[in-house]
Amino acid sequence: MNESSKTDWDRIGAMSDEAIDTSEIPPLSKAFFEKATLRTPQHPVAVTVHVDPDVLAWFQAQGQDYEQRVNAALRIYAEAHQP
């Protein structure tokens, strides 16, 4: 995203939970929780990989969290190629 958000995050952050309108969100059913799985964050492993300079530059141009974006792209690729 290169455009700034028009959301008033200060106002949102100051809202209490009770002030947030959740009337359009359906309640979670028992079936949802029966299928749900607990996911705990994994600790990243530091590695050295060789990438083309233009690929690295593109990810870096997306923002300071470019390493997380590279990880997300690798995860999508790896999950798409699971047997």
N, C-alpha and C. Protein backbone atom coordinates (compact mmCIF):
# COMPACT_ATOMS: atom_id res chain seq x y z
N MET A 1 0.84 -1.17 0.00
CA MET A 1 0.00 0.00 0.00
C MET A 1 0.89 1.24 0.00
N ASN A 2 0.70 2.08 -0.98
CA ASN A 2 1.48 3.30 -1.05
C ASN A 2 0.66 4.51 -0.64
N GLU A 3 -0.66 4.37 -0.53
CA GLU A 3 -1.50 5.48 -0.14
C GLU A 3 -1.70 5.48 1.36
N SER A 4 -1.77 6.66 1.95
CA SER A 4 -1.99 6.77 3.38
C SER A 4 -3.43 6.40 3.71
N SER A 5 -3.61 5.80 4.86
CA SER A 5 -4.95 5.45 5.32
C SER A 5 -5.70 6.71 5.73
N LYS A 6 -6.97 6.74 5.45
CA LYS A 6 -7.80 7.88 5.86
C LYS A 6 -8.50 7.59 7.18
N THR A 7 -8.16 6.45 7.80
CA THR A 7 -8.76 6.07 9.07
C THR A 7 -8.18 6.93 10.19
N ASP A 8 -9.04 7.40 11.07
CA ASP A 8 -8.61 8.17 12.23
C ASP A 8 -8.22 7.18 13.33
N TRP A 9 -6.97 6.69 13.28
CA TRP A 9 -6.53 5.65 14.20
C TRP A 9 -6.50 6.11 15.64
N ASP A 10 -6.25 7.41 15.87
CA ASP A 10 -6.26 7.91 17.25
C ASP A 10 -7.66 7.77 17.85
N ARG A 11 -8.70 8.10 17.06
CA ARG A 11 -10.07 7.97 17.53
C ARG A 11 -10.42 6.50 17.77
N ILE A 12 -10.01 5.64 16.83
CA ILE A 12 -10.28 4.21 16.97
C ILE A 12 -9.58 3.66 18.21
N GLY A 13 -8.33 4.03 18.41
CA GLY A 13 -7.57 3.55 19.55
C GLY A 13 -8.15 3.99 20.89
N ALA A 14 -8.83 5.14 20.90
CA ALA A 14 -9.40 5.67 22.14
C ALA A 14 -10.76 5.06 22.46
N MET A 15 -11.35 4.33 21.51
CA MET A 15 -12.68 3.75 21.74
C MET A 15 -12.61 2.59 22.72
N SER A 16 -13.63 2.48 23.55
CA SER A 16 -13.74 1.31 24.43
C SER A 16 -14.35 0.17 23.63
N ASP A 17 -14.19 -1.05 24.12
CA ASP A 17 -14.77 -2.21 23.43
C ASP A 17 -16.29 -2.07 23.30
N GLU A 18 -16.92 -1.50 24.33
CA GLU A 18 -18.37 -1.35 24.32
C GLU A 18 -18.84 -0.36 23.25
N ALA A 19 -17.99 0.57 22.85
CA ALA A 19 -18.37 1.59 21.88
C ALA A 19 -18.30 1.08 20.44
N ILE A 20 -17.70 -0.06 20.23
CA ILE A 20 -17.54 -0.61 18.88
C ILE A 20 -18.81 -1.36 18.49
N ASP A 21 -19.38 -0.97 17.34
CA ASP A 21 -20.60 -1.61 16.84
C ASP A 21 -20.26 -2.93 16.18
N THR A 22 -20.64 -4.02 16.80
CA THR A 22 -20.40 -5.36 16.25
C THR A 22 -21.69 -6.04 15.82
N SER A 23 -22.75 -5.25 15.63
CA SER A 23 -24.06 -5.84 15.35
C SER A 23 -24.12 -6.59 14.03
N GLU A 24 -23.23 -6.29 13.10
CA GLU A 24 -23.26 -6.97 11.81
C GLU A 24 -22.37 -8.21 11.78
N ILE A 25 -21.68 -8.49 12.86
CA ILE A 25 -20.81 -9.65 12.92
C ILE A 25 -21.59 -10.82 13.51
N PRO A 26 -21.75 -11.90 12.77
CA PRO A 26 -22.51 -13.04 13.31
C PRO A 26 -21.74 -13.69 14.47
N PRO A 27 -22.46 -14.25 15.41
CA PRO A 27 -21.78 -14.93 16.52
C PRO A 27 -21.06 -16.17 16.01
N LEU A 28 -19.97 -16.53 16.69
CA LEU A 28 -19.23 -17.73 16.31
C LEU A 28 -19.97 -18.95 16.86
N SER A 29 -20.16 -19.92 16.00
CA SER A 29 -20.93 -21.10 16.38
C SER A 29 -20.04 -22.17 17.01
N LYS A 30 -20.66 -23.18 17.57
CA LYS A 30 -19.94 -24.31 18.14
C LYS A 30 -19.14 -25.02 17.04
N ALA A 31 -19.72 -25.08 15.84
CA ALA A 31 -19.04 -25.72 14.71
C ALA A 31 -17.74 -25.00 14.37
N PHE A 32 -17.76 -23.68 14.49
CA PHE A 32 -16.53 -22.91 14.23
C PHE A 32 -15.42 -23.37 15.17
N PHE A 33 -15.74 -23.44 16.47
CA PHE A 33 -14.72 -23.79 17.44
C PHE A 33 -14.31 -25.26 17.35
N GLU A 34 -15.18 -26.13 16.83
CA GLU A 34 -14.80 -27.52 16.64
C GLU A 34 -13.77 -27.66 15.52
N LYS A 35 -13.83 -26.79 14.54
CA LYS A 35 -12.88 -26.83 13.43
C LYS A 35 -11.65 -25.98 13.67
N ALA A 36 -11.71 -25.06 14.62
CA ALA A 36 -10.61 -24.13 14.85
C ALA A 36 -9.39 -24.85 15.40
N THR A 37 -8.22 -24.35 15.02
CA THR A 37 -6.98 -24.90 15.56
C THR A 37 -6.16 -23.77 16.16
N LEU A 38 -5.45 -24.06 17.22
CA LEU A 38 -4.61 -23.07 17.87
C LEU A 38 -3.32 -22.92 17.08
N ARG A 39 -2.98 -21.70 16.76
CA ARG A 39 -1.74 -21.42 16.06
C ARG A 39 -0.90 -20.52 16.94
N THR A 40 0.27 -20.96 17.28
CA THR A 40 1.17 -20.14 18.08
C THR A 40 2.27 -19.63 17.17
N PRO A 41 2.72 -18.40 17.41
CA PRO A 41 3.77 -17.86 16.54
C PRO A 41 5.07 -18.64 16.66
N GLN A 42 5.73 -18.79 15.55
CA GLN A 42 7.02 -19.45 15.55
C GLN A 42 8.12 -18.40 15.62
N HIS A 43 9.21 -18.76 16.25
CA HIS A 43 10.34 -17.83 16.30
C HIS A 43 11.09 -17.93 14.98
N PRO A 44 11.29 -16.79 14.31
CA PRO A 44 11.99 -16.84 13.03
C PRO A 44 13.45 -17.28 13.19
N VAL A 45 13.98 -17.84 12.15
CA VAL A 45 15.36 -18.29 12.11
C VAL A 45 16.12 -17.36 11.18
N ALA A 46 17.25 -16.86 11.64
CA ALA A 46 18.07 -16.00 10.79
C ALA A 46 18.84 -16.85 9.80
N VAL A 47 18.74 -16.50 8.52
CA VAL A 47 19.45 -17.21 7.46
C VAL A 47 20.04 -16.20 6.49
N THR A 48 20.95 -16.66 5.69
CA THR A 48 21.49 -15.85 4.61
C THR A 48 21.07 -16.48 3.30
N VAL A 49 20.41 -15.70 2.46
CA VAL A 49 20.03 -16.18 1.14
C VAL A 49 20.50 -15.18 0.10
N HIS A 50 20.75 -15.66 -1.07
CA HIS A 50 21.17 -14.80 -2.17
C HIS A 50 19.95 -14.54 -3.05
N VAL A 51 19.61 -13.29 -3.22
CA VAL A 51 18.50 -12.90 -4.09
C VAL A 51 18.99 -11.86 -5.08
N ASP A 52 18.30 -11.76 -6.18
CA ASP A 52 18.65 -10.76 -7.18
C ASP A 52 18.44 -9.37 -6.60
N PRO A 53 19.34 -8.42 -6.92
CA PRO A 53 19.24 -7.07 -6.35
C PRO A 53 17.90 -6.39 -6.62
N ASP A 54 17.33 -6.62 -7.81
CA ASP A 54 16.06 -5.96 -8.12
C ASP A 54 14.91 -6.53 -7.29
N VAL A 55 14.98 -7.82 -6.96
CA VAL A 55 13.96 -8.43 -6.13
C VAL A 55 14.03 -7.85 -4.72
N LEU A 56 15.24 -7.77 -4.16
CA LEU A 56 15.41 -7.20 -2.84
C LEU A 56 14.97 -5.74 -2.82
N ALA A 57 15.33 -4.99 -3.85
CA ALA A 57 14.95 -3.58 -3.92
C ALA A 57 13.43 -3.42 -3.94
N TRP A 58 12.75 -4.31 -4.66
CA TRP A 58 11.28 -4.22 -4.71
C TRP A 58 10.69 -4.44 -3.33
N PHE A 59 11.14 -5.48 -2.63
CA PHE A 59 10.62 -5.72 -1.28
C PHE A 59 10.95 -4.57 -0.35
N GLN A 60 12.16 -4.04 -0.41
CA GLN A 60 12.53 -2.93 0.45
C GLN A 60 11.70 -1.69 0.15
N ALA A 61 11.31 -1.49 -1.09
CA ALA A 61 10.49 -0.34 -1.47
C ALA A 61 9.09 -0.43 -0.89
N GLN A 62 8.67 -1.62 -0.45
CA GLN A 62 7.33 -1.79 0.11
C GLN A 62 7.24 -1.30 1.55
N GLY A 63 8.37 -1.05 2.19
CA GLY A 63 8.34 -0.53 3.56
C GLY A 63 9.34 -1.23 4.45
N GLN A 64 9.43 -0.73 5.68
CA GLN A 64 10.44 -1.23 6.62
C GLN A 64 10.25 -2.70 6.98
N ASP A 65 9.04 -3.19 6.87
CA ASP A 65 8.78 -4.59 7.24
C ASP A 65 8.98 -5.53 6.06
N TYR A 66 9.94 -5.19 5.19
CA TYR A 66 10.13 -5.98 3.98
C TYR A 66 10.53 -7.42 4.27
N GLU A 67 11.23 -7.66 5.39
CA GLU A 67 11.63 -9.03 5.70
C GLU A 67 10.40 -9.89 5.99
N GLN A 68 9.41 -9.32 6.67
CA GLN A 68 8.17 -10.05 6.93
C GLN A 68 7.43 -10.32 5.62
N ARG A 69 7.51 -9.39 4.68
CA ARG A 69 6.86 -9.59 3.38
C ARG A 69 7.54 -10.70 2.59
N VAL A 70 8.88 -10.74 2.65
CA VAL A 70 9.61 -11.82 1.99
C VAL A 70 9.19 -13.15 2.61
N ASN A 71 9.12 -13.20 3.94
CA ASN A 71 8.71 -14.43 4.62
C ASN A 71 7.29 -14.84 4.20
N ALA A 72 6.38 -13.86 4.12
CA ALA A 72 5.00 -14.17 3.72
C ALA A 72 4.96 -14.71 2.30
N ALA A 73 5.75 -14.12 1.40
CA ALA A 73 5.78 -14.60 0.02
C ALA A 73 6.32 -16.03 -0.05
N LEU A 74 7.37 -16.31 0.72
CA LEU A 74 7.92 -17.67 0.75
C LEU A 74 6.93 -18.66 1.34
N ARG A 75 6.19 -18.23 2.38
CA ARG A 75 5.19 -19.10 3.00
C ARG A 75 4.08 -19.44 1.99
N ILE A 76 3.59 -18.45 1.28
CA ILE A 76 2.53 -18.68 0.28
C ILE A 76 3.03 -19.68 -0.78
N TYR A 77 4.26 -19.48 -1.23
CA TYR A 77 4.81 -20.39 -2.24
C TYR A 77 4.93 -21.81 -1.68
N ALA A 78 5.49 -21.92 -0.45
CA ALA A 78 5.69 -23.24 0.15
C ALA A 78 4.35 -23.94 0.38
N GLU A 79 3.36 -23.23 0.87
CA GLU A 79 2.05 -23.85 1.12
C GLU A 79 1.36 -24.25 -0.17
N ALA A 80 1.57 -23.49 -1.23
CA ALA A 80 0.96 -23.82 -2.52
C ALA A 80 1.59 -25.06 -3.15
N HIS A 81 2.79 -25.41 -2.70
CA HIS A 81 3.48 -26.55 -3.28
C HIS A 81 3.61 -27.73 -2.32
N GLN A 82 2.77 -27.76 -1.31
CA GLN A 82 2.74 -28.91 -0.40
C GLN A 82 2.16 -30.11 -1.14
N PRO A 83 2.67 -31.29 -0.85
CA PRO A 83 2.13 -32.49 -1.53
C PRO A 83 0.70 -32.79 -1.06
